[in-house]
Each structure stands twice: as C-alpha cells, then as structure tokens.
Amino acid sequence: MRIAGINIPDEKRSEIALRYVYGIGPKLAKDILAKTGINPDTRAKDLTPAEINKIKEALEEYKIEGELRTEIKSNINRLKDIGSYRGTRHARHLPVRGQRTKTNTRTVRGNKRATATSGKRKVELK
C-alpha cells in the first residue's frame, strides 16, 4: 500500500503504519483515523480500497512529505539569510537549541574520537 509516495508496512496496525509518512506523528495518526472512522487496530493489509481513499483525502488537508520538507528547509534558509543566531548555528552545523558543546555533540561537530589508547605505538620491523 502506498500513501503520499511512501510504502506503508502491511503487518503494522494502521495507527502505527501511518507514522511512516513524514509529518505524521502519533496524534495526527489518531486524528486522521478518528475522522475517517477507521479502527486503529486494523492491520494496514486489511484496509479496503475505500478506506485507503478516505485516508488519502484526509491527508490532503495537512502538509506532509515533500511539501513539509521544503517548508522547513526554506525556514532554515530564511534564518541564515537574516543572520540570526539560530541561522548561524545551522550554517556552522552546531546545536541550535542551546545544548552544551564542550563535552557533547561530537557527532554533530564532526569530531568523532577513536578509542583511547596508551599513546605508545608498537612497531615491529621484520
């Protein structure tokens, strides 16, 4: 089954399977199923084509997938263009929301450390 260009897993409950679409979380999935009158416990493979069409029509009200991604990207670019603090943090690939950087966020900064060694290097020349 495909919804919004995403393959929905068949074996999952419909409430969980809807979350595979970018922009749909737990609350929105429950709201969509309540609005369409579909039982959240039914498996995705057991949904009828009519129920799938109801879900697709309900999803047209929301920004999901590509539309949502482009909006988020444009918001970040706007912050960069106006030179705000958050924009400069995004541009430098640093944490944006006030996290500390002295000890954490090594992966964000690209500072991945190798495992610690004694410093001595054994070199065998044979």
Protein backbone atom coordinates (compact mmCIF):
# COMPACT_ATOMS: atom_id res chain seq x y z
CA MET A 1 0.00 0.00 0.00
CA ARG A 2 1.29 3.47 -0.88
CA ILE A 3 0.23 6.71 0.75
CA ALA A 4 1.84 10.03 -0.23
CA GLY A 5 4.53 8.18 -2.17
CA ILE A 6 5.59 6.07 0.82
CA ASN A 7 5.29 2.29 1.10
CA ILE A 8 3.28 1.58 4.22
CA PRO A 9 4.20 -1.68 6.03
CA ASP A 10 1.42 -4.25 5.74
CA GLU A 11 1.82 -6.06 9.04
CA LYS A 12 1.61 -2.97 11.27
CA ARG A 13 -1.54 -1.55 12.81
CA SER A 14 -2.92 1.28 10.71
CA GLU A 15 -2.30 3.77 13.53
CA ILE A 16 1.41 2.88 13.54
CA ALA A 17 1.74 2.42 9.78
CA LEU A 18 0.56 5.99 9.08
CA ARG A 19 3.53 7.30 11.06
CA TYR A 20 5.89 6.16 8.31
CA VAL A 21 4.80 9.23 6.34
CA TYR A 22 7.00 12.24 7.12
CA GLY A 23 4.98 14.78 9.10
CA ILE A 24 2.54 12.33 10.68
CA GLY A 25 3.08 11.58 14.34
CA PRO A 26 1.07 9.72 16.95
CA LYS A 27 -1.57 12.42 17.50
CA LEU A 28 -2.12 13.19 13.82
CA ALA A 29 -2.42 9.48 13.00
CA LYS A 30 -5.11 9.07 15.69
CA ASP A 31 -6.93 12.18 14.48
CA ILE A 32 -6.95 11.01 10.85
CA LEU A 33 -8.29 7.56 11.76
CA ALA A 34 -10.94 9.07 14.03
CA LYS A 35 -12.02 11.49 11.30
CA THR A 36 -12.28 8.72 8.71
CA GLY A 37 -13.96 6.29 11.14
CA ILE A 38 -11.34 3.56 10.72
CA ASN A 39 -10.47 1.31 13.65
CA PRO A 40 -6.81 2.00 14.64
CA ASP A 41 -6.27 -1.69 15.45
CA THR A 42 -6.89 -2.94 11.90
CA ARG A 43 -3.76 -4.01 10.07
CA ALA A 44 -2.68 -1.98 7.05
CA LYS A 45 -3.09 -5.02 4.79
CA ASP A 46 -6.73 -5.39 5.88
CA LEU A 47 -7.74 -1.87 4.85
CA THR A 48 -10.19 -1.74 1.97
CA PRO A 49 -9.53 0.49 -1.05
CA ALA A 50 -12.39 2.75 0.10
CA GLU A 51 -10.74 3.21 3.50
CA ILE A 52 -7.39 3.94 1.86
CA ASN A 53 -9.05 6.62 -0.28
CA LYS A 54 -10.62 8.15 2.84
CA ILE A 55 -7.16 8.35 4.44
CA LYS A 56 -5.67 9.93 1.32
CA GLU A 57 -8.43 12.55 1.22
CA ALA A 58 -7.93 13.33 4.92
CA LEU A 59 -4.18 13.76 4.36
CA GLU A 60 -4.73 16.42 1.70
CA GLU A 61 -5.50 18.93 4.48
CA TYR A 62 -2.03 18.59 6.00
CA LYS A 63 1.47 19.41 4.84
CA ILE A 64 3.36 16.14 4.64
CA GLU A 65 6.41 14.68 2.91
CA GLY A 66 7.95 16.92 0.23
CA GLU A 67 5.84 19.99 0.91
CA LEU A 68 6.71 19.92 4.62
CA ARG A 69 10.41 19.27 3.94
CA THR A 70 10.65 22.24 1.56
CA GLU A 71 8.90 24.50 4.07
CA ILE A 72 11.31 23.51 6.85
CA LYS A 73 14.28 23.98 4.54
CA SER A 74 13.06 27.43 3.48
CA ASN A 75 12.57 28.42 7.14
CA ILE A 76 16.18 27.43 7.91
CA ASN A 77 17.45 29.32 4.85
CA ARG A 78 15.47 32.40 5.96
CA LEU A 79 17.17 32.26 9.37
CA LYS A 80 20.56 32.01 7.65
CA ASP A 81 19.80 34.92 5.31
CA ILE A 82 18.74 37.34 8.04
CA GLY A 83 21.83 36.42 10.04
CA SER A 84 20.06 35.36 13.20
CA TYR A 85 21.86 33.41 15.92
CA ARG A 86 19.91 30.25 15.08
CA GLY A 87 20.76 30.71 11.41
CA THR A 88 24.49 30.94 12.07
CA ARG A 89 24.30 27.83 14.26
CA HIS A 90 22.61 25.98 11.40
CA ALA A 91 25.24 27.21 8.96
CA ARG A 92 28.09 26.00 11.18
CA HIS A 93 26.40 22.63 11.82
CA LEU A 94 26.28 23.24 15.57
CA PRO A 95 23.42 22.59 18.01
CA VAL A 96 20.72 25.22 17.62
CA ARG A 97 18.63 24.86 20.75
CA GLY A 98 21.09 25.81 23.47
CA GLN A 99 22.74 22.47 24.15
CA ARG A 100 26.25 22.46 25.57
CA THR A 101 29.08 21.77 23.16
CA LYS A 102 32.08 21.35 25.45
CA THR A 103 31.51 17.66 26.08
CA ASN A 104 28.58 16.54 23.93
CA THR A 105 27.54 16.90 20.27
CA ARG A 106 30.75 15.40 18.92
CA THR A 107 28.97 13.77 16.01
CA VAL A 108 27.20 17.00 15.05
CA ARG A 109 30.50 18.87 15.01
CA GLY A 110 32.24 16.11 13.09
CA ASN A 111 34.61 15.45 15.96
CA LYS A 112 34.38 11.70 16.28
CA ARG A 113 37.04 10.32 18.57
CA ALA A 114 38.71 6.96 18.15
CA THR A 115 39.00 4.68 21.14
CA ALA A 116 41.56 5.80 23.69
CA THR A 117 45.00 4.20 23.51
CA SER A 118 48.06 4.35 25.74
CA GLY A 119 49.90 6.59 23.28
CA LYS A 120 52.70 4.10 22.75
CA ARG A 121 52.84 2.56 19.35
CA LYS A 122 54.39 -0.82 18.82
CA VAL A 123 56.13 -1.06 15.50
CA GLU A 124 57.62 -4.34 14.50
CA LEU A 125 60.10 -4.29 11.67
CA LYS A 126 60.77 -7.80 10.42
